[in-house]
Amino acid sequence: MEMIRLVLMIIFMGLGIFVFGIATFGLFKFDYILNRIHVAAKCDTLASLLIIIGLMIYSGFSITTLKLLLVVIFLWLSNPVGTHLIGQTEVITNSDMENPYEEV
């Protein structure tokens, strides 16, 4: 049973690190600031969730697991709101922002 928990923890934490790597690649690939914010926000939220799930599996059912669950809930509520505010501020303050898309 301990070996199964260890393997699941490694899988979830490995996936989380992989998603963080994708986010890093996306930050360098995209030129438009709102695309960069989108990649960073989505990947950061998902990668944090995967890593914390791996930690929850490894710690078993204890008070630590409940604390980690509260951290996940806080991240899933606060990260999208913060990202939206940063993106909205960028749109409002940068009046000469280039439109990377053609209007039809």
Protein backbone atom coordinates (compact mmCIF):
# COMPACT_ATOMS: atom_id res chain seq x y z
CA MET A 1 0.00 0.00 0.00
CA GLU A 2 2.85 2.36 0.80
CA MET A 3 4.40 1.70 -2.61
CA ILE A 4 1.15 2.61 -4.39
CA ARG A 5 0.97 5.90 -2.49
CA LEU A 6 4.58 6.65 -3.37
CA VAL A 7 4.01 5.94 -7.07
CA LEU A 8 0.85 8.09 -7.15
CA MET A 9 2.70 10.91 -5.39
CA ILE A 10 5.53 10.75 -7.93
CA ILE A 11 3.05 10.78 -10.84
CA PHE A 12 1.10 13.79 -9.56
CA MET A 13 4.20 15.76 -8.60
CA GLY A 14 5.86 14.91 -11.91
CA LEU A 15 2.81 16.12 -13.81
CA GLY A 16 2.81 19.31 -11.76
CA ILE A 17 6.46 19.99 -12.57
CA PHE A 18 5.74 19.24 -16.25
CA VAL A 19 2.89 21.77 -16.28
CA PHE A 20 5.17 24.38 -14.66
CA GLY A 21 7.64 23.69 -17.47
CA ILE A 22 4.92 24.27 -20.07
CA ALA A 23 4.08 27.57 -18.37
CA THR A 24 7.71 28.66 -18.51
CA PHE A 25 7.87 27.79 -22.21
CA GLY A 26 4.61 29.69 -22.84
CA LEU A 27 5.90 32.80 -21.10
CA PHE A 28 8.84 32.94 -23.50
CA LYS A 29 6.87 31.93 -26.60
CA PHE A 30 4.02 34.45 -26.53
CA ASP A 31 4.63 38.12 -27.28
CA TYR A 32 1.26 39.57 -26.30
CA ILE A 33 1.00 40.34 -22.58
CA LEU A 34 -2.53 38.99 -22.14
CA ASN A 35 -1.53 35.67 -23.70
CA ARG A 36 1.36 35.45 -21.26
CA ILE A 37 -0.94 36.18 -18.32
CA HIS A 38 -3.36 33.50 -19.52
CA VAL A 39 -0.66 30.83 -19.81
CA ALA A 40 0.84 31.71 -16.45
CA ALA A 41 -2.49 31.72 -14.64
CA LYS A 42 -3.88 28.48 -16.04
CA CYS A 43 -0.68 26.50 -15.70
CA ASP A 44 0.12 27.89 -12.26
CA THR A 45 -3.28 26.91 -10.90
CA LEU A 46 -3.21 23.42 -12.42
CA ALA A 47 0.40 22.70 -11.48
CA SER A 48 -0.14 23.81 -7.90
CA LEU A 49 -3.20 21.58 -7.68
CA LEU A 50 -1.31 18.55 -9.01
CA ILE A 51 1.64 19.03 -6.67
CA ILE A 52 -0.57 19.55 -3.63
CA ILE A 53 -2.64 16.46 -4.53
CA GLY A 54 0.63 14.53 -4.64
CA LEU A 55 1.49 15.84 -1.18
CA MET A 56 -1.99 14.95 0.09
CA ILE A 57 -1.62 11.38 -1.17
CA TYR A 58 1.79 11.05 0.44
CA SER A 59 0.73 12.43 3.83
CA GLY A 60 -2.30 10.13 4.09
CA PHE A 61 -5.48 11.18 5.83
CA SER A 62 -4.46 13.52 8.62
CA ILE A 63 -4.80 17.12 9.71
CA THR A 64 -2.06 17.97 7.21
CA THR A 65 -4.27 16.71 4.39
CA LEU A 66 -7.08 18.99 5.49
CA LYS A 67 -4.70 21.95 5.63
CA LEU A 68 -3.48 21.16 2.12
CA LEU A 69 -7.09 20.96 0.95
CA LEU A 70 -7.68 24.45 2.35
CA VAL A 71 -4.61 25.68 0.47
CA VAL A 72 -6.01 24.19 -2.77
CA ILE A 73 -9.36 25.88 -2.22
CA PHE A 74 -7.67 29.21 -1.50
CA LEU A 75 -5.49 28.95 -4.61
CA TRP A 76 -8.42 28.02 -6.84
CA LEU A 77 -10.40 31.00 -5.58
CA SER A 78 -7.69 33.66 -5.44
CA ASN A 79 -5.51 32.92 -8.47
CA PRO A 80 -8.17 33.52 -11.18
CA VAL A 81 -9.38 36.68 -9.45
CA GLY A 82 -5.86 38.07 -9.14
CA THR A 83 -5.06 37.24 -12.74
CA HIS A 84 -8.25 38.87 -13.96
CA LEU A 85 -7.44 42.04 -12.03
CA ILE A 86 -3.91 42.19 -13.44
CA GLY A 87 -5.20 41.66 -16.99
CA GLN A 88 -7.96 44.22 -16.58
CA THR A 89 -5.47 46.76 -15.23
CA GLU A 90 -3.21 46.16 -18.22
CA VAL A 91 -6.09 46.72 -20.65
CA ILE A 92 -7.24 49.90 -18.89
CA THR A 93 -3.82 51.52 -18.41
CA ASN A 94 -2.29 50.64 -21.78
CA SER A 95 -4.39 52.66 -24.21
CA ASP A 96 -2.08 52.07 -27.18
CA MET A 97 -2.18 48.29 -26.79
CA GLU A 98 -1.80 46.52 -30.12
CA ASN A 99 -4.59 44.21 -31.19
CA PRO A 100 -2.92 40.95 -32.28
CA TYR A 101 -6.12 39.71 -33.94
CA GLU A 102 -7.83 40.86 -37.09
CA GLU A 103 -11.35 42.19 -36.70
CA VAL A 104 -13.88 40.75 -39.11
